[in-house]
Amino acid sequence: MTDARAQLLSCYTSVVHDVLRALGRRNFTLPPRLRPLNPEGVLTGPAFTVEGRIDETADPHETLLAWTGLLSKAKPGHVWISQPHNHLVAQMGELSAETLHRKGVLGVVTDGGLRDTNFILRLGLPCWGAFHTPRDVVGCWLPTGTDVPILMDDCLIRPGDWLHGDRDGMVVIPAEIVAEVAENAVGAMNTESLVRKAILEGTDPQEAYLKWGKF
């Protein structure tokens, strides 16, 4: 997937979205509440999936053992993506981000919270979340699975599926078509450049669309 990753790093998410739509795919866009902490750049890579739940009866020591064990399982060269099933606690903070960054994890996406955000910004690990909070997982949250399919609203993410996002949002590319999508996205951007050039030179937009089949 090295070639596909290199191609996708040059692609903005909107064009990848349009390629997936043209291939007849549905329900591949992550909820818009998930936003990048730093909107600059592109986060792209295969998914390492995490799922968990609130358990306010959990012992703090138990939750920290489970959390550090979870960090140990993270895969280098992957994007950590978690469905924590709550909007109460942070799923990523400074020490966890430092750990994942050192392990070679490409970035973090969570349908949950982030904390220690100034530290994470200085670290440079791309992180996406739904909100910020100082409250962490200690004594109230436990993981229930890794490398399992997870859902974010109507969007299914399977282990190894490809995540691709920038400031516009994030999409999920099924693992089996990553190479095809990357190639098509690069081709679509080249076509868009021709349309852009025509528009800047005064071509009527409908004429440009009919000529190039894209707008």
N, C-alpha and C. Protein backbone atom coordinates (compact mmCIF):
# COMPACT_ATOMS: atom_id res chain seq x y z
N MET A 1 0.80 -1.21 0.00
CA MET A 1 0.00 0.00 0.00
C MET A 1 0.85 1.27 0.00
N THR A 2 2.17 1.13 -0.13
CA THR A 2 3.02 2.31 -0.09
C THR A 2 2.68 3.29 -1.21
N ASP A 3 2.47 2.77 -2.43
CA ASP A 3 2.14 3.63 -3.57
C ASP A 3 0.80 4.32 -3.35
N ALA A 4 -0.19 3.56 -2.87
CA ALA A 4 -1.51 4.13 -2.64
C ALA A 4 -1.44 5.23 -1.59
N ARG A 5 -0.68 5.01 -0.54
CA ARG A 5 -0.56 6.03 0.51
C ARG A 5 0.09 7.31 -0.05
N ALA A 6 1.14 7.14 -0.85
CA ALA A 6 1.80 8.30 -1.44
C ALA A 6 0.83 9.07 -2.34
N GLN A 7 0.01 8.35 -3.12
CA GLN A 7 -0.97 9.01 -3.97
C GLN A 7 -2.02 9.74 -3.13
N LEU A 8 -2.53 9.07 -2.11
CA LEU A 8 -3.59 9.66 -1.30
C LEU A 8 -3.12 10.88 -0.52
N LEU A 9 -1.86 10.89 -0.13
CA LEU A 9 -1.34 12.06 0.59
C LEU A 9 -1.42 13.33 -0.25
N SER A 10 -1.49 13.17 -1.56
CA SER A 10 -1.59 14.33 -2.45
C SER A 10 -3.04 14.72 -2.73
N CYS A 11 -4.00 13.94 -2.19
CA CYS A 11 -5.41 14.13 -2.55
C CYS A 11 -6.20 14.77 -1.42
N TYR A 12 -7.05 15.71 -1.75
CA TYR A 12 -7.95 16.27 -0.76
C TYR A 12 -9.17 15.36 -0.61
N THR A 13 -9.79 15.42 0.57
CA THR A 13 -10.83 14.46 0.90
C THR A 13 -12.04 14.56 -0.01
N SER A 14 -12.38 15.75 -0.47
CA SER A 14 -13.56 15.90 -1.31
C SER A 14 -13.45 15.08 -2.59
N VAL A 15 -12.27 15.04 -3.19
CA VAL A 15 -12.13 14.28 -4.43
C VAL A 15 -12.18 12.79 -4.15
N VAL A 16 -11.64 12.34 -3.00
CA VAL A 16 -11.73 10.93 -2.63
C VAL A 16 -13.20 10.56 -2.39
N HIS A 17 -13.93 11.45 -1.73
CA HIS A 17 -15.37 11.24 -1.53
C HIS A 17 -16.07 11.03 -2.86
N ASP A 18 -15.78 11.91 -3.83
CA ASP A 18 -16.47 11.84 -5.12
C ASP A 18 -16.13 10.56 -5.87
N VAL A 19 -14.91 10.09 -5.73
CA VAL A 19 -14.52 8.82 -6.36
C VAL A 19 -15.30 7.66 -5.74
N LEU A 20 -15.40 7.64 -4.42
CA LEU A 20 -16.16 6.58 -3.75
C LEU A 20 -17.63 6.61 -4.16
N ARG A 21 -18.20 7.80 -4.25
CA ARG A 21 -19.59 7.93 -4.70
C ARG A 21 -19.76 7.40 -6.11
N ALA A 22 -18.82 7.73 -7.00
CA ALA A 22 -18.89 7.26 -8.38
C ALA A 22 -18.78 5.74 -8.48
N LEU A 23 -18.13 5.13 -7.51
CA LEU A 23 -18.01 3.67 -7.49
C LEU A 23 -19.24 3.01 -6.87
N GLY A 24 -20.25 3.80 -6.53
CA GLY A 24 -21.48 3.26 -5.98
C GLY A 24 -21.46 2.98 -4.49
N ARG A 25 -20.45 3.48 -3.79
CA ARG A 25 -20.36 3.25 -2.35
C ARG A 25 -21.29 4.20 -1.60
N ARG A 26 -21.74 3.75 -0.43
CA ARG A 26 -22.63 4.54 0.40
C ARG A 26 -22.15 4.48 1.86
N ASN A 27 -22.55 5.47 2.63
CA ASN A 27 -22.29 5.48 4.08
C ASN A 27 -20.80 5.32 4.39
N PHE A 28 -20.00 6.15 3.77
CA PHE A 28 -18.54 6.06 3.96
C PHE A 28 -17.95 7.34 4.55
N THR A 29 -18.81 8.29 4.95
CA THR A 29 -18.32 9.56 5.49
C THR A 29 -18.52 9.59 7.01
N LEU A 30 -17.46 9.87 7.74
CA LEU A 30 -17.57 9.94 9.19
C LEU A 30 -18.42 11.14 9.60
N PRO A 31 -19.08 11.07 10.76
CA PRO A 31 -19.95 12.17 11.19
C PRO A 31 -19.21 13.51 11.25
N PRO A 32 -19.88 14.59 10.86
CA PRO A 32 -19.21 15.90 10.82
C PRO A 32 -18.82 16.43 12.20
N ARG A 33 -19.33 15.81 13.28
CA ARG A 33 -18.90 16.25 14.62
C ARG A 33 -17.44 15.90 14.88
N LEU A 34 -16.88 14.96 14.13
CA LEU A 34 -15.46 14.62 14.29
C LEU A 34 -14.63 15.64 13.52
N ARG A 35 -13.79 16.37 14.25
CA ARG A 35 -13.01 17.44 13.65
C ARG A 35 -11.54 17.27 14.00
N PRO A 36 -10.65 17.68 13.10
CA PRO A 36 -9.21 17.60 13.39
C PRO A 36 -8.78 18.69 14.37
N LEU A 37 -7.96 18.30 15.32
CA LEU A 37 -7.41 19.27 16.27
C LEU A 37 -6.59 20.32 15.52
N ASN A 38 -5.80 19.87 14.57
CA ASN A 38 -5.06 20.76 13.68
C ASN A 38 -5.54 20.49 12.26
N PRO A 39 -6.26 21.42 11.63
CA PRO A 39 -6.85 21.15 10.32
C PRO A 39 -5.86 21.16 9.16
N GLU A 40 -4.60 21.49 9.42
CA GLU A 40 -3.62 21.50 8.33
C GLU A 40 -3.23 20.06 7.97
N GLY A 41 -3.00 19.84 6.68
CA GLY A 41 -2.48 18.54 6.23
C GLY A 41 -3.55 17.48 6.04
N VAL A 42 -3.08 16.27 5.74
CA VAL A 42 -3.94 15.13 5.44
C VAL A 42 -3.55 13.98 6.36
N LEU A 43 -4.55 13.30 6.91
CA LEU A 43 -4.32 12.07 7.67
C LEU A 43 -4.85 10.92 6.84
N THR A 44 -3.99 9.97 6.51
CA THR A 44 -4.42 8.84 5.69
C THR A 44 -3.67 7.59 6.12
N GLY A 45 -4.40 6.47 6.20
CA GLY A 45 -3.76 5.22 6.59
C GLY A 45 -4.78 4.17 7.00
N PRO A 46 -4.33 2.94 7.19
CA PRO A 46 -5.23 1.85 7.57
C PRO A 46 -5.67 1.96 9.03
N ALA A 47 -6.85 1.42 9.31
CA ALA A 47 -7.47 1.58 10.62
C ALA A 47 -7.05 0.49 11.59
N PHE A 48 -6.67 0.93 12.80
CA PHE A 48 -6.59 0.06 13.97
C PHE A 48 -7.78 0.43 14.84
N THR A 49 -8.77 -0.45 14.94
CA THR A 49 -10.04 -0.10 15.56
C THR A 49 -10.08 -0.46 17.04
N VAL A 50 -10.77 0.39 17.80
CA VAL A 50 -10.92 0.23 19.25
C VAL A 50 -12.38 0.48 19.60
N GLU A 51 -12.90 -0.33 20.53
CA GLU A 51 -14.26 -0.11 21.03
C GLU A 51 -14.25 -0.23 22.55
N GLY A 52 -15.16 0.50 23.20
CA GLY A 52 -15.21 0.45 24.65
C GLY A 52 -16.52 0.97 25.18
N ARG A 53 -16.63 1.07 26.50
CA ARG A 53 -17.90 1.46 27.13
C ARG A 53 -17.62 2.11 28.49
N ILE A 54 -18.57 2.90 28.91
CA ILE A 54 -18.54 3.48 30.25
C ILE A 54 -18.86 2.39 31.28
N ASP A 55 -18.08 2.37 32.37
CA ASP A 55 -18.36 1.51 33.52
C ASP A 55 -17.94 2.28 34.76
N GLU A 56 -18.87 2.99 35.35
CA GLU A 56 -18.54 3.85 36.48
C GLU A 56 -18.33 3.08 37.78
N THR A 57 -18.50 1.75 37.71
CA THR A 57 -18.18 0.91 38.87
C THR A 57 -16.75 0.37 38.79
N ALA A 58 -16.06 0.66 37.68
CA ALA A 58 -14.72 0.09 37.48
C ALA A 58 -13.73 0.69 38.46
N ASP A 59 -12.81 -0.14 38.89
CA ASP A 59 -11.72 0.31 39.77
C ASP A 59 -10.74 1.16 38.97
N PRO A 60 -10.27 2.28 39.50
CA PRO A 60 -9.32 3.12 38.76
C PRO A 60 -8.08 2.35 38.29
N HIS A 61 -7.55 1.50 39.15
CA HIS A 61 -6.38 0.70 38.76
C HIS A 61 -6.72 -0.22 37.59
N GLU A 62 -7.90 -0.82 37.63
CA GLU A 62 -8.34 -1.70 36.54
C GLU A 62 -8.42 -0.93 35.22
N THR A 63 -8.97 0.28 35.28
CA THR A 63 -9.11 1.04 34.04
C THR A 63 -7.75 1.46 33.48
N LEU A 64 -6.82 1.81 34.35
CA LEU A 64 -5.50 2.20 33.88
C LEU A 64 -4.72 1.01 33.33
N LEU A 65 -4.87 -0.16 33.94
CA LEU A 65 -4.25 -1.36 33.38
C LEU A 65 -4.81 -1.66 31.99
N ALA A 66 -6.12 -1.56 31.87
CA ALA A 66 -6.76 -1.83 30.58
C ALA A 66 -6.34 -0.80 29.53
N TRP A 67 -6.25 0.47 29.94
CA TRP A 67 -5.88 1.53 28.98
C TRP A 67 -4.44 1.38 28.51
N THR A 68 -3.52 1.15 29.45
CA THR A 68 -2.12 1.00 29.03
C THR A 68 -1.93 -0.27 28.20
N GLY A 69 -2.69 -1.31 28.51
CA GLY A 69 -2.64 -2.51 27.68
C GLY A 69 -3.15 -2.25 26.28
N LEU A 70 -4.15 -1.40 26.19
CA LEU A 70 -4.69 -1.01 24.88
C LEU A 70 -3.64 -0.25 24.07
N LEU A 71 -2.95 0.67 24.70
CA LEU A 71 -1.90 1.41 24.01
C LEU A 71 -0.81 0.46 23.50
N SER A 72 -0.52 -0.58 24.26
CA SER A 72 0.50 -1.55 23.87
C SER A 72 0.14 -2.29 22.59
N LYS A 73 -1.17 -2.42 22.32
CA LYS A 73 -1.63 -3.16 21.14
C LYS A 73 -1.63 -2.32 19.87
N ALA A 74 -1.47 -1.03 20.00
CA ALA A 74 -1.56 -0.14 18.83
C ALA A 74 -0.53 -0.52 17.77
N LYS A 75 -0.94 -0.42 16.51
CA LYS A 75 -0.10 -0.86 15.40
C LYS A 75 0.62 0.31 14.73
N PRO A 76 1.94 0.24 14.61
CA PRO A 76 2.66 1.26 13.84
C PRO A 76 2.13 1.32 12.40
N GLY A 77 2.17 2.50 11.82
CA GLY A 77 1.72 2.66 10.44
C GLY A 77 0.22 2.60 10.26
N HIS A 78 -0.53 2.67 11.37
CA HIS A 78 -1.99 2.65 11.33
C HIS A 78 -2.55 3.91 11.98
N VAL A 79 -3.82 4.15 11.70
CA VAL A 79 -4.56 5.21 12.37
C VAL A 79 -5.42 4.57 13.46
N TRP A 80 -5.22 5.02 14.70
CA TRP A 80 -6.02 4.56 15.83
C TRP A 80 -7.41 5.19 15.71
N ILE A 81 -8.45 4.39 15.62
CA ILE A 81 -9.80 4.94 15.54
C ILE A 81 -10.67 4.23 16.57
N SER A 82 -11.34 5.01 17.42
CA SER A 82 -12.08 4.41 18.52
C SER A 82 -13.54 4.86 18.55
N GLN A 83 -14.39 3.90 18.90
CA GLN A 83 -15.79 4.16 19.19
C GLN A 83 -15.99 3.89 20.68
N PRO A 84 -15.92 4.95 21.50
CA PRO A 84 -15.97 4.76 22.95
C PRO A 84 -17.38 4.71 23.52
N HIS A 85 -18.38 4.97 22.67
CA HIS A 85 -19.78 4.91 23.09
C HIS A 85 -20.09 5.84 24.26
N ASN A 86 -19.52 7.03 24.23
CA ASN A 86 -19.89 8.04 25.22
C ASN A 86 -19.35 9.39 24.77
N HIS A 87 -19.99 10.44 25.27
CA HIS A 87 -19.50 11.80 25.06
C HIS A 87 -19.26 12.45 26.41
N LEU A 88 -18.58 11.68 27.28
CA LEU A 88 -18.30 12.14 28.63
C LEU A 88 -16.81 12.32 28.90
N VAL A 89 -15.98 11.39 28.40
CA VAL A 89 -14.57 11.39 28.80
C VAL A 89 -13.66 11.52 27.58
N ALA A 90 -12.45 11.96 27.85
CA ALA A 90 -11.44 12.07 26.80
C ALA A 90 -10.85 10.69 26.50
N GLN A 91 -10.68 10.41 25.22
CA GLN A 91 -10.09 9.15 24.78
C GLN A 91 -8.63 9.31 24.36
N MET A 92 -8.11 10.53 24.48
CA MET A 92 -6.72 10.75 24.13
C MET A 92 -6.21 11.98 24.86
N GLY A 93 -5.04 11.83 25.49
CA GLY A 93 -4.39 12.93 26.17
C GLY A 93 -2.90 12.91 25.90
N GLU A 94 -2.15 13.72 26.64
CA GLU A 94 -0.74 13.93 26.33
C GLU A 94 0.09 12.64 26.37
N LEU A 95 0.06 11.91 27.49
CA LEU A 95 0.93 10.74 27.62
C LEU A 95 0.55 9.64 26.63
N SER A 96 -0.74 9.47 26.41
CA SER A 96 -1.19 8.46 25.44
C SER A 96 -0.76 8.85 24.03
N ALA A 97 -0.91 10.12 23.70
CA ALA A 97 -0.49 10.59 22.37
C ALA A 97 1.02 10.44 22.20
N GLU A 98 1.78 10.76 23.24
CA GLU A 98 3.24 10.57 23.19
C GLU A 98 3.58 9.11 22.93
N THR A 99 2.88 8.21 23.62
CA THR A 99 3.13 6.78 23.46
C THR A 99 2.86 6.33 22.03
N LEU A 100 1.70 6.72 21.50
CA LEU A 100 1.33 6.29 20.14
C LEU A 100 2.27 6.90 19.10
N HIS A 101 2.61 8.16 19.30
CA HIS A 101 3.52 8.83 18.37
C HIS A 101 4.87 8.11 18.32
N ARG A 102 5.38 7.73 19.49
CA ARG A 102 6.66 7.03 19.56
C ARG A 102 6.57 5.64 18.92
N LYS A 103 5.40 5.01 18.98
CA LYS A 103 5.19 3.69 18.38
C LYS A 103 5.06 3.74 16.86
N GLY A 104 4.91 4.93 16.30
CA GLY A 104 4.75 5.06 14.86
C GLY A 104 3.32 5.04 14.38
N VAL A 105 2.37 5.26 15.31
CA VAL A 105 0.97 5.40 14.91
C VAL A 105 0.81 6.71 14.13
N LEU A 106 0.03 6.67 13.04
CA LEU A 106 -0.06 7.82 12.14
C LEU A 106 -0.94 8.94 12.69
N GLY A 107 -1.93 8.58 13.48
CA GLY A 107 -2.85 9.58 14.01
C GLY A 107 -3.95 8.91 14.80
N VAL A 108 -4.83 9.72 15.36
CA VAL A 108 -5.91 9.26 16.23
C VAL A 108 -7.22 9.86 15.77
N VAL A 109 -8.25 9.02 15.69
CA VAL A 109 -9.62 9.47 15.41
C VAL A 109 -10.51 8.85 16.46
N THR A 110 -11.29 9.66 17.17
CA THR A 110 -12.19 9.12 18.17
C THR A 110 -13.53 9.82 18.12
N ASP A 111 -14.59 9.03 18.24
CA ASP A 111 -15.93 9.60 18.39
C ASP A 111 -16.14 9.88 19.87
N GLY A 112 -15.18 10.55 20.45
CA GLY A 112 -15.15 10.88 21.86
C GLY A 112 -14.33 12.15 22.05
N GLY A 113 -13.79 12.31 23.26
CA GLY A 113 -13.13 13.55 23.60
C GLY A 113 -11.62 13.52 23.52
N LEU A 114 -11.05 14.71 23.47
CA LEU A 114 -9.60 14.92 23.54
C LEU A 114 -9.30 15.83 24.73
N ARG A 115 -8.14 15.64 25.35
CA ARG A 115 -7.69 16.56 26.39
C ARG A 115 -6.18 16.80 26.21
N ASP A 116 -5.63 17.69 27.01
CA ASP A 116 -4.21 18.07 26.86
C ASP A 116 -3.93 18.51 25.43
N THR A 117 -4.87 19.25 24.86
CA THR A 117 -4.79 19.52 23.42
C THR A 117 -3.61 20.40 23.03
N ASN A 118 -3.21 21.32 23.90
CA ASN A 118 -2.03 22.13 23.57
C ASN A 118 -0.77 21.28 23.48
N PHE A 119 -0.66 20.29 24.37
CA PHE A 119 0.48 19.37 24.31
C PHE A 119 0.44 18.56 23.03
N ILE A 120 -0.75 18.06 22.66
CA ILE A 120 -0.88 17.23 21.44
C ILE A 120 -0.54 18.06 20.20
N LEU A 121 -0.98 19.31 20.19
CA LEU A 121 -0.66 20.18 19.06
C LEU A 121 0.86 20.37 18.92
N ARG A 122 1.53 20.57 20.04
CA ARG A 122 2.99 20.73 19.99
C ARG A 122 3.67 19.44 19.57
N LEU A 123 3.11 18.31 19.98
CA LEU A 123 3.66 17.01 19.60
C LEU A 123 3.57 16.77 18.10
N GLY A 124 2.46 17.19 17.51
CA GLY A 124 2.29 17.03 16.07
C GLY A 124 1.61 15.75 15.64
N LEU A 125 1.06 14.97 16.59
CA LEU A 125 0.31 13.78 16.21
C LEU A 125 -1.09 14.20 15.78
N PRO A 126 -1.49 13.91 14.54
CA PRO A 126 -2.84 14.29 14.10
C PRO A 126 -3.90 13.60 14.96
N CYS A 127 -4.79 14.39 15.54
CA CYS A 127 -5.86 13.85 16.38
C CYS A 127 -7.20 14.46 15.98
N TRP A 128 -8.20 13.60 15.89
CA TRP A 128 -9.56 14.02 15.59
C TRP A 128 -10.45 13.61 16.76
N GLY A 129 -11.41 14.47 17.10
CA GLY A 129 -12.34 14.13 18.15
C GLY A 129 -13.65 14.87 18.00
N ALA A 130 -14.59 14.55 18.90
CA ALA A 130 -15.91 15.16 18.84
C ALA A 130 -16.04 16.33 19.81
N PHE A 131 -15.17 16.40 20.82
CA PHE A 131 -15.24 17.47 21.81
C PHE A 131 -13.96 17.45 22.63
N HIS A 132 -13.82 18.45 23.48
CA HIS A 132 -12.69 18.53 24.42
C HIS A 132 -13.24 18.46 25.85
N THR A 133 -12.51 17.80 26.72
CA THR A 133 -12.87 17.75 28.13
C THR A 133 -11.64 17.39 28.96
N PRO A 134 -11.55 17.90 30.19
CA PRO A 134 -10.43 17.47 31.04
C PRO A 134 -10.66 16.10 31.67
N ARG A 135 -11.88 15.59 31.61
CA ARG A 135 -12.20 14.32 32.27
C ARG A 135 -11.61 13.15 31.48
N ASP A 136 -10.94 12.22 32.18
CA ASP A 136 -10.30 11.10 31.48
C ASP A 136 -11.01 9.77 31.78
N VAL A 137 -10.39 8.67 31.37
CA VAL A 137 -11.03 7.35 31.44
C VAL A 137 -10.91 6.71 32.82
N VAL A 138 -10.11 7.28 33.71
CA VAL A 138 -9.79 6.61 34.98
C VAL A 138 -11.05 6.39 35.82
N GLY A 139 -11.29 5.14 36.17
CA GLY A 139 -12.42 4.79 37.03
C GLY A 139 -13.77 4.82 36.36
N CYS A 140 -13.81 4.95 35.02
CA CYS A 140 -15.16 5.02 34.40
C CYS A 140 -15.25 4.48 32.98
N TRP A 141 -14.15 4.01 32.38
CA TRP A 141 -14.24 3.53 30.99
C TRP A 141 -13.32 2.34 30.80
N LEU A 142 -13.81 1.33 30.05
CA LEU A 142 -13.02 0.14 29.76
C LEU A 142 -13.12 -0.22 28.28
N PRO A 143 -12.03 -0.67 27.68
CA PRO A 143 -12.10 -1.17 26.31
C PRO A 143 -12.81 -2.52 26.26
N THR A 144 -13.51 -2.76 25.16
CA THR A 144 -14.19 -4.04 24.98
C THR A 144 -13.68 -4.81 23.77
N GLY A 145 -12.88 -4.17 22.90
CA GLY A 145 -12.36 -4.88 21.74
C GLY A 145 -11.39 -4.05 20.94
N THR A 146 -10.49 -4.75 20.25
CA THR A 146 -9.58 -4.12 19.29
C THR A 146 -9.62 -4.94 18.01
N ASP A 147 -9.32 -4.26 16.90
CA ASP A 147 -9.38 -4.91 15.59
C ASP A 147 -10.71 -5.61 15.37
N VAL A 148 -11.79 -4.87 15.68
CA VAL A 148 -13.16 -5.33 15.45
C VAL A 148 -13.87 -4.27 14.60
N PRO A 149 -14.88 -4.65 13.84
CA PRO A 149 -15.65 -3.64 13.11
C PRO A 149 -16.34 -2.69 14.09
N ILE A 150 -16.33 -1.40 13.79
CA ILE A 150 -17.01 -0.42 14.63
C ILE A 150 -17.90 0.45 13.74
N LEU A 151 -18.89 1.06 14.36
CA LEU A 151 -19.81 1.95 13.66
C LEU A 151 -19.72 3.35 14.23
N MET A 152 -19.71 4.35 13.34
CA MET A 152 -19.88 5.73 13.74
C MET A 152 -21.08 6.25 12.95
N ASP A 153 -22.20 6.37 13.63
CA ASP A 153 -23.50 6.60 12.99
C ASP A 153 -23.72 5.49 11.94
N ASP A 154 -23.86 5.85 10.67
CA ASP A 154 -24.12 4.83 9.65
C ASP A 154 -22.86 4.38 8.92
N CYS A 155 -21.70 4.78 9.43
CA CYS A 155 -20.43 4.49 8.74
C CYS A 155 -19.71 3.33 9.44
N LEU A 156 -19.50 2.26 8.69
CA LEU A 156 -18.80 1.08 9.21
C LEU A 156 -17.31 1.20 8.93
N ILE A 157 -16.51 0.94 9.96
CA ILE A 157 -15.05 0.92 9.81
C ILE A 157 -14.57 -0.46 10.24
N ARG A 158 -13.97 -1.19 9.30
CA ARG A 158 -13.42 -2.50 9.60
C ARG A 158 -11.91 -2.38 9.82
N PRO A 159 -11.33 -3.28 10.60
CA PRO A 159 -9.87 -3.26 10.75
C PRO A 159 -9.19 -3.30 9.38
N GLY A 160 -8.27 -2.39 9.15
CA GLY A 160 -7.55 -2.36 7.88
C GLY A 160 -8.18 -1.52 6.81
N ASP A 161 -9.46 -1.13 6.97
CA ASP A 161 -10.02 -0.16 6.04
C ASP A 161 -9.21 1.13 6.12
N TRP A 162 -9.26 1.90 5.04
CA TRP A 162 -8.40 3.08 4.96
C TRP A 162 -9.17 4.32 5.38
N LEU A 163 -8.57 5.14 6.23
CA LEU A 163 -9.14 6.42 6.64
C LEU A 163 -8.42 7.54 5.91
N HIS A 164 -9.19 8.51 5.46
CA HIS A 164 -8.59 9.62 4.72
C HIS A 164 -9.33 10.90 5.09
N GLY A 165 -8.60 11.87 5.68
CA GLY A 165 -9.27 13.08 6.11
C GLY A 165 -8.40 14.32 6.05
N ASP A 166 -9.07 15.47 5.95
CA ASP A 166 -8.44 16.77 6.06
C ASP A 166 -9.45 17.70 6.71
N ARG A 167 -9.28 19.02 6.59
CA ARG A 167 -10.17 19.93 7.31
C ARG A 167 -11.64 19.83 6.85
N ASP A 168 -11.91 19.24 5.69
CA ASP A 168 -13.29 19.09 5.21
C ASP A 168 -14.02 17.93 5.88
N GLY A 169 -13.29 16.97 6.44
CA GLY A 169 -13.91 15.79 7.02
C GLY A 169 -13.09 14.55 6.73
N MET A 170 -13.70 13.39 6.99
CA MET A 170 -12.98 12.13 6.82
C MET A 170 -13.87 11.08 6.18
N VAL A 171 -13.29 10.28 5.29
CA VAL A 171 -14.00 9.19 4.65
C VAL A 171 -13.29 7.87 4.93
N VAL A 172 -14.03 6.78 4.74
CA VAL A 172 -13.50 5.44 4.93
C VAL A 172 -13.47 4.74 3.58
N ILE A 173 -12.31 4.25 3.20
CA ILE A 173 -12.13 3.53 1.93
C ILE A 173 -12.01 2.05 2.25
N PRO A 174 -12.91 1.20 1.73
CA PRO A 174 -12.78 -0.23 1.99
C PRO A 174 -11.40 -0.74 1.57
N ALA A 175 -10.83 -1.60 2.39
CA ALA A 175 -9.46 -2.05 2.17
C ALA A 175 -9.25 -2.63 0.78
N GLU A 176 -10.26 -3.33 0.27
CA GLU A 176 -10.10 -4.04 -0.99
C GLU A 176 -10.06 -3.13 -2.22
N ILE A 177 -10.40 -1.84 -2.06
CA ILE A 177 -10.38 -0.94 -3.23
C ILE A 177 -9.48 0.28 -3.02
N VAL A 178 -8.59 0.22 -2.03
CA VAL A 178 -7.75 1.39 -1.75
C VAL A 178 -6.91 1.79 -2.96
N ALA A 179 -6.27 0.83 -3.61
CA ALA A 179 -5.41 1.14 -4.75
C ALA A 179 -6.22 1.77 -5.89
N GLU A 180 -7.41 1.22 -6.16
CA GLU A 180 -8.27 1.75 -7.22
C GLU A 180 -8.71 3.18 -6.90
N VAL A 181 -9.11 3.41 -5.66
CA VAL A 181 -9.57 4.74 -5.26
C VAL A 181 -8.43 5.75 -5.35
N ALA A 182 -7.24 5.37 -4.90
CA ALA A 182 -6.11 6.29 -4.96
C ALA A 182 -5.80 6.68 -6.40
N GLU A 183 -5.78 5.70 -7.29
CA GLU A 183 -5.48 5.99 -8.70
C GLU A 183 -6.57 6.88 -9.31
N ASN A 184 -7.84 6.55 -9.02
CA ASN A 184 -8.94 7.34 -9.57
C ASN A 184 -8.95 8.76 -9.02
N ALA A 185 -8.57 8.91 -7.74
CA ALA A 185 -8.57 10.24 -7.13
C ALA A 185 -7.51 11.13 -7.77
N VAL A 186 -6.35 10.58 -8.03
CA VAL A 186 -5.30 11.35 -8.70
C VAL A 186 -5.77 11.76 -10.10
N GLY A 187 -6.40 10.83 -10.81
CA GLY A 187 -6.93 11.15 -12.14
C GLY A 187 -8.00 12.22 -12.09
N ALA A 188 -8.87 12.14 -11.08
CA ALA A 188 -9.94 13.13 -10.95
C ALA A 188 -9.38 14.52 -10.65
N MET A 189 -8.32 14.58 -9.84
CA MET A 189 -7.71 15.88 -9.56
C MET A 189 -7.09 16.48 -10.81
N ASN A 190 -6.50 15.64 -11.64
CA ASN A 190 -5.94 16.14 -12.90
C ASN A 190 -7.03 16.73 -13.79
N THR A 191 -8.19 16.03 -13.84
CA THR A 191 -9.31 16.54 -14.62
C THR A 191 -9.83 17.84 -14.04
N GLU A 192 -9.94 17.92 -12.72
CA GLU A 192 -10.40 19.16 -12.08
C GLU A 192 -9.46 20.33 -12.40
N SER A 193 -8.19 20.04 -12.53
CA SER A 193 -7.23 21.10 -12.87
C SER A 193 -7.52 21.66 -14.26
N LEU A 194 -7.92 20.77 -15.19
CA LEU A 194 -8.27 21.22 -16.53
C LEU A 194 -9.53 22.07 -16.50
N VAL A 195 -10.53 21.65 -15.70
CA VAL A 195 -11.76 22.44 -15.57
C VAL A 195 -11.45 23.79 -14.93
N ARG A 196 -10.65 23.79 -13.90
CA ARG A 196 -10.28 25.04 -13.23
C ARG A 196 -9.61 26.01 -14.21
N LYS A 197 -8.68 25.47 -14.99
CA LYS A 197 -7.97 26.31 -15.97
C LYS A 197 -8.95 26.90 -16.98
N ALA A 198 -9.91 26.07 -17.43
CA ALA A 198 -10.89 26.55 -18.42
C ALA A 198 -11.76 27.65 -17.82
N ILE A 199 -12.19 27.47 -16.57
CA ILE A 199 -13.04 28.48 -15.92
C ILE A 199 -12.27 29.80 -15.77
N LEU A 200 -11.02 29.70 -15.35
CA LEU A 200 -10.20 30.91 -15.17
C LEU A 200 -9.95 31.62 -16.49
N GLU A 201 -10.01 30.86 -17.57
CA GLU A 201 -9.81 31.46 -18.89
C GLU A 201 -11.11 31.95 -19.51
N GLY A 202 -12.22 31.84 -18.75
CA GLY A 202 -13.48 32.41 -19.20
C GLY A 202 -14.47 31.44 -19.81
N THR A 203 -14.19 30.15 -19.79
CA THR A 203 -15.12 29.16 -20.34
C THR A 203 -16.40 29.12 -19.51
N ASP A 204 -17.54 29.02 -20.17
CA ASP A 204 -18.82 28.88 -19.48
C ASP A 204 -18.78 27.63 -18.61
N PRO A 205 -19.27 27.67 -17.36
CA PRO A 205 -19.17 26.51 -16.47
C PRO A 205 -19.90 25.28 -17.00
N GLN A 206 -21.06 25.49 -17.62
CA GLN A 206 -21.77 24.32 -18.16
C GLN A 206 -21.01 23.72 -19.34
N GLU A 207 -20.43 24.58 -20.15
CA GLU A 207 -19.62 24.08 -21.27
C GLU A 207 -18.42 23.29 -20.75
N ALA A 208 -17.79 23.80 -19.69
CA ALA A 208 -16.65 23.09 -19.10
C ALA A 208 -17.08 21.75 -18.54
N TYR A 209 -18.24 21.71 -17.88
CA TYR A 209 -18.75 20.45 -17.34
C TYR A 209 -19.03 19.44 -18.45
N LEU A 210 -19.68 19.90 -19.51
CA LEU A 210 -20.02 18.99 -20.60
C LEU A 210 -18.76 18.48 -21.31
N LYS A 211 -17.73 19.28 -21.36
CA LYS A 211 -16.49 18.86 -22.01
C LYS A 211 -15.72 17.86 -21.18
N TRP A 212 -15.60 18.15 -19.87
CA TRP A 212 -14.74 17.34 -19.01
C TRP A 212 -15.51 16.34 -18.13
N GLY A 213 -16.82 16.51 -18.04
CA GLY A 213 -17.61 15.57 -17.24
C GLY A 213 -17.40 15.69 -15.75
N LYS A 214 -16.94 16.88 -15.33
CA LYS A 214 -16.66 17.06 -13.89
C LYS A 214 -16.80 18.53 -13.55
N PHE A 215 -17.31 18.78 -12.32
CA PHE A 215 -17.37 20.16 -11.85
C PHE A 215 -17.43 20.14 -10.33
